[in-house]
Amino acid sequence: MQTAAMLPMQAMRSEAQSAPVKIGIIGSGNRGSYDGRTVAKDPRVRVTAVCDINDAALAKAKSTYAPDAQTFKEQKDLLASGVDAVIIATPVFLHP
């Protein structure tokens, strides 16, 4: 069995223009803050949503790497916000 993929040439070029990928982050503690700061540096990405049960953690996320992001207490609300991808940065025992 063989696998093949065909992509338009624009997709192969680094200068291809597209809208930034909208990222949501679930869990904005230590790991989520690290991941958020890391992805926020990439011009191809926008952190548009952050979810945490801790108000202080949400406020810190907004002030450090996601100033325009929507904030949520429930992951289902973050998922419904129109993000393209999600980083789950909660402690392992809390992963859905």
Protein backbone atom coordinates (compact mmCIF):
# COMPACT_ATOMS: atom_id res chain seq x y z
CA MET A 1 0.00 0.00 0.00
CA GLN A 2 1.30 3.45 -0.88
CA THR A 3 0.24 6.86 0.29
CA ALA A 4 0.51 10.05 -1.69
CA ALA A 5 -0.48 13.64 -1.10
CA MET A 6 -0.98 16.47 -3.53
CA LEU A 7 -0.75 20.06 -2.37
CA PRO A 8 -1.04 23.28 -4.31
CA MET A 9 2.35 24.95 -4.82
CA GLN A 10 1.23 27.92 -2.71
CA ALA A 11 0.92 25.61 0.28
CA MET A 12 4.53 24.58 -0.17
CA ARG A 13 5.90 28.12 -0.23
CA SER A 14 6.71 29.83 3.05
CA GLU A 15 5.40 33.14 1.71
CA ALA A 16 1.89 31.78 1.12
CA GLN A 17 -0.59 34.10 2.82
CA SER A 18 -3.35 32.79 5.03
CA ALA A 19 -5.24 33.83 8.12
CA PRO A 20 -3.49 33.12 11.41
CA VAL A 21 -4.37 29.85 13.12
CA LYS A 22 -6.72 30.59 16.02
CA ILE A 23 -5.43 28.77 19.10
CA GLY A 24 -7.29 28.06 22.32
CA ILE A 25 -5.46 27.11 25.50
CA ILE A 26 -7.14 25.02 28.18
CA GLY A 27 -5.26 25.53 31.44
CA SER A 28 -3.33 28.75 31.94
CA GLY A 29 -1.10 27.78 34.85
CA ASN A 30 2.63 27.14 34.48
CA ARG A 31 2.47 24.89 31.41
CA GLY A 32 -0.29 26.85 29.71
CA SER A 33 1.56 30.13 30.26
CA TYR A 34 4.73 28.68 28.78
CA ASP A 35 2.88 27.27 25.77
CA GLY A 36 0.90 30.48 25.32
CA ARG A 37 3.98 32.70 25.36
CA THR A 38 5.70 30.34 22.92
CA VAL A 39 2.92 30.20 20.32
CA ALA A 40 2.12 33.91 20.67
CA LYS A 41 5.58 34.70 19.26
CA ASP A 42 4.69 33.01 15.97
CA PRO A 43 3.11 35.46 13.52
CA ARG A 44 1.12 32.62 11.93
CA VAL A 45 -0.78 32.07 15.19
CA ARG A 46 -3.21 34.04 17.38
CA VAL A 47 -4.23 32.94 20.86
CA THR A 48 -7.93 33.76 20.68
CA ALA A 49 -9.28 31.87 23.69
CA VAL A 50 -8.06 30.79 27.13
CA CYS A 51 -9.89 28.55 29.58
CA ASP A 52 -9.15 28.14 33.28
CA ILE A 53 -11.13 27.85 36.50
CA ASN A 54 -8.76 30.30 38.20
CA ASP A 55 -9.54 33.99 37.62
CA ALA A 56 -5.99 35.06 38.51
CA ALA A 57 -4.55 32.66 35.92
CA LEU A 58 -6.90 34.02 33.26
CA ALA A 59 -5.92 37.60 34.12
CA LYS A 60 -2.23 36.69 33.90
CA ALA A 61 -2.78 35.07 30.49
CA LYS A 62 -4.47 38.23 29.20
CA SER A 63 -1.67 40.44 30.50
CA THR A 64 1.25 38.32 29.28
CA TYR A 65 0.42 36.59 25.99
CA ALA A 66 -3.25 36.85 25.04
CA PRO A 67 -4.48 40.43 25.49
CA ASP A 68 -7.35 40.09 23.00
CA ALA A 69 -8.36 36.53 23.86
CA GLN A 70 -11.79 35.54 25.08
CA THR A 71 -11.68 33.86 28.49
CA PHE A 72 -13.77 30.92 29.60
CA LYS A 73 -14.35 28.81 32.70
CA GLU A 74 -15.70 25.83 30.73
CA GLN A 75 -13.78 23.99 28.01
CA LYS A 76 -16.96 23.39 26.00
CA ASP A 77 -17.41 27.16 25.70
CA LEU A 78 -13.83 27.56 24.46
CA LEU A 79 -14.38 24.80 21.89
CA ALA A 80 -17.52 26.57 20.65
CA SER A 81 -15.67 29.88 20.20
CA GLY A 82 -14.34 29.08 16.73
CA VAL A 83 -10.75 28.10 17.51
CA ASP A 84 -8.82 26.10 14.90
CA ALA A 85 -6.69 24.17 17.40
CA VAL A 86 -6.46 23.64 21.15
CA ILE A 87 -3.54 23.18 23.49
CA ILE A 88 -4.54 21.17 26.57
CA ALA A 89 -2.20 22.35 29.32
CA THR A 90 -4.00 21.11 32.39
CA PRO A 91 -2.46 18.62 34.80
CA VAL A 92 -2.56 15.12 33.28
CA PHE A 93 -5.21 13.86 35.69
CA LEU A 94 -7.56 16.62 34.48
CA HIS A 95 -7.25 15.93 30.74
CA PRO A 96 -10.68 15.30 29.20
